[in-house]
Each structure stands twice: as C-alpha cells, then as structure tokens.
Protein backbone atom coordinates (compact mmCIF):
# COMPACT_ATOMS: atom_id res chain seq x y z
CA MET A 1 -25.19 -21.27 -3.91
CA ALA A 2 -24.42 -17.58 -4.17
CA LYS A 3 -21.46 -15.91 -2.52
CA LYS A 4 -22.76 -13.00 -0.37
CA ARG A 5 -20.57 -10.40 1.29
CA MET A 6 -21.27 -10.28 5.02
CA VAL A 7 -18.45 -8.23 6.55
CA LEU A 8 -15.82 -5.70 5.48
CA GLU A 9 -12.97 -4.98 7.90
CA ILE A 10 -10.09 -2.52 7.47
CA GLY A 11 -6.71 -2.61 9.20
CA MET A 12 -3.28 -1.01 9.20
CA GLY A 13 0.07 -2.49 10.18
CA THR A 14 3.59 -1.16 10.34
CA ASP A 15 7.17 -2.29 10.51
CA ILE A 16 8.80 0.64 12.31
CA ARG A 17 12.37 -0.35 11.45
CA GLY A 18 13.40 -2.68 8.69
CA ALA A 19 10.65 -2.07 6.11
CA ASP A 20 9.54 -5.73 6.15
CA SER A 21 6.50 -5.86 3.86
CA THR A 22 5.31 -9.26 5.12
CA LYS A 23 5.56 -8.22 8.77
CA ALA A 24 3.55 -5.05 8.10
CA ALA A 25 0.98 -6.99 6.03
CA CYS A 26 0.47 -9.57 8.79
CA ARG A 27 0.07 -6.81 11.36
CA ALA A 28 -2.48 -5.05 9.12
CA LEU A 29 -4.51 -8.24 8.81
CA ARG A 30 -4.39 -8.82 12.59
CA ASP A 31 -5.52 -5.22 13.11
CA ALA A 32 -8.54 -5.84 10.89
CA LEU A 33 -9.42 -9.19 12.46
CA TRP A 34 -8.64 -8.76 16.14
CA HIS A 35 -11.08 -5.89 16.71
CA ASN A 36 -14.14 -8.07 16.35
CA SER A 37 -15.59 -11.50 16.93
CA LEU A 38 -17.66 -12.58 13.97
CA SER A 39 -20.73 -14.64 14.78
CA ILE A 40 -22.40 -14.24 11.37
CA ALA A 41 -21.60 -17.78 10.18
CA THR A 42 -22.89 -19.55 13.26
CA ALA A 43 -25.89 -17.22 13.45
CA LEU A 44 -26.86 -18.44 9.98
CA GLY A 45 -26.24 -22.10 10.86
CA HIS A 46 -22.85 -22.44 9.14
CA PRO A 47 -19.57 -23.61 10.69
CA LEU A 48 -16.81 -21.00 11.08
CA ASP A 49 -14.75 -22.74 8.40
CA ALA A 50 -17.53 -22.02 5.89
CA MET A 51 -16.52 -18.35 5.85
CA ILE A 52 -14.76 -17.20 2.68
CA VAL A 53 -12.13 -14.64 3.68
CA ASP A 54 -10.62 -12.55 0.88
CA VAL A 55 -7.65 -10.51 2.11
CA HIS A 56 -6.45 -7.51 0.12
CA ILE A 57 -3.10 -5.97 1.11
CA GLY A 58 -1.57 -2.70 -0.08
CA VAL A 59 2.19 -2.20 0.40
CA PRO A 60 4.86 -0.20 -1.46
CA ARG A 61 6.58 -3.37 -2.77
CA PRO A 62 3.89 -6.06 -3.26
CA GLU A 63 6.37 -8.64 -4.54
CA MET A 64 8.07 -8.67 -1.12
CA VAL A 65 5.01 -10.06 0.71
CA ASP A 66 4.98 -13.75 1.61
CA LYS A 67 1.29 -14.58 1.02
CA ALA A 68 1.56 -17.87 2.92
CA GLN A 69 2.60 -16.00 6.09
CA VAL A 70 -0.34 -13.61 5.67
CA MET A 71 -2.75 -16.54 5.17
CA ALA A 72 -1.40 -18.17 8.34
CA VAL A 73 -2.85 -15.24 10.33
CA LEU A 74 -6.44 -16.30 9.52
CA PRO A 75 -7.91 -18.21 12.47
CA TYR A 76 -10.53 -20.03 10.35
CA GLY A 77 -12.30 -20.01 7.03
CA LYS A 78 -11.13 -20.50 3.47
CA GLY A 79 -9.12 -17.61 2.21
CA SER A 80 -7.22 -15.88 -0.51
CA VAL A 81 -4.65 -13.10 -0.43
CA SER A 82 -4.08 -10.48 -3.09
CA VAL A 83 -1.34 -7.88 -2.78
CA VAL A 84 -1.22 -4.59 -4.67
CA GLU A 85 0.95 -1.51 -4.63
CA GLY A 86 -0.19 0.83 -1.87
CA GLY A 87 0.58 1.66 1.72
CA LEU A 88 3.38 4.06 2.54
CA GLU A 89 7.12 4.04 3.23
CA ILE A 90 8.79 6.84 5.19
CA HIS A 91 12.61 7.00 5.07
CA ASN A 92 14.67 8.31 7.97
CA ASP A 93 16.71 11.52 7.59
CA LYS A 94 19.86 9.61 6.58
CA GLY A 95 18.01 7.37 4.11
CA THR A 96 19.41 4.29 5.83
CA ASP A 97 16.17 2.97 7.30
CA SER A 98 12.45 3.35 6.82
CA THR A 99 9.06 2.72 8.35
CA LEU A 100 6.66 0.76 6.19
CA ILE A 101 2.87 0.95 6.47
CA ALA A 102 0.58 -1.71 5.00
CA ASN A 103 -3.18 -1.52 4.62
CA ALA A 104 -5.50 -4.52 4.75
CA CYS A 105 -9.07 -4.95 3.66
CA VAL A 106 -10.78 -8.18 4.69
CA VAL A 107 -13.99 -9.25 2.94
CA VAL A 108 -15.88 -12.08 4.64
CA SER A 109 -18.51 -13.89 2.59
CA LEU A 110 -20.70 -16.97 2.87
CA ASP A 111 -22.20 -19.19 0.21
CA LEU A 112 -25.95 -18.83 0.75
CA VAL A 113 -28.90 -20.39 -1.02
C-alpha cells in the first residue's frame, strides 16, 4: 500500500495567561480539526481509524509540550506528533506574564492500493 495525503488542515491556539505550551498546542490542534468533518475515509470504503494523522506543532519552547496530551485530542485514526520551535510568545509590559501562540498543521493520509 502507498500512503497518500488526503487533507491538510491548519490551526492556531493560545494560552492567554500562563504560557502553557501544551495547552496552546492542544487548542491549535482542536482549531484545525473542529472546523471540518472528514468523510474521505468512509467515502473510499475505509474505517475512520484507518486515517493516518500526522500532527506538527510549532511553539516557542517545544520541549515543554506533552505529546501524549496533544495525541489525546485526536478523535480517531492513528497518529504521530512532532513539535518544533515556532509560534510566538508576547510578554506583558512588566515581563511577569505572557501570551503563547502555537500553530498546528494536521496531515491526514490513507494507505491506498
């Protein structure tokens, strides 16, 4: 079988106060996923769990992201999560707090003959 890309979704998530990288990453993934209802797998005669979902997250501090929590956002399919440096962090005037922005790219593929 050959892995074929079917869908590319983009999302953004924030943690307004607290700069929690995992929280922002999960929100970015939800933003990418919750704006659609994919029927590509069933339209091609495959179960929903046959979808291969590769999640790519960009945040200022990639090492702070709990990948298991991000994976738990996926409603179905087999997945993987990769986290790289990206996103944006904006500090408040006093430098005591910040807003963190994460970006997510979700690539959905199927193994097709």
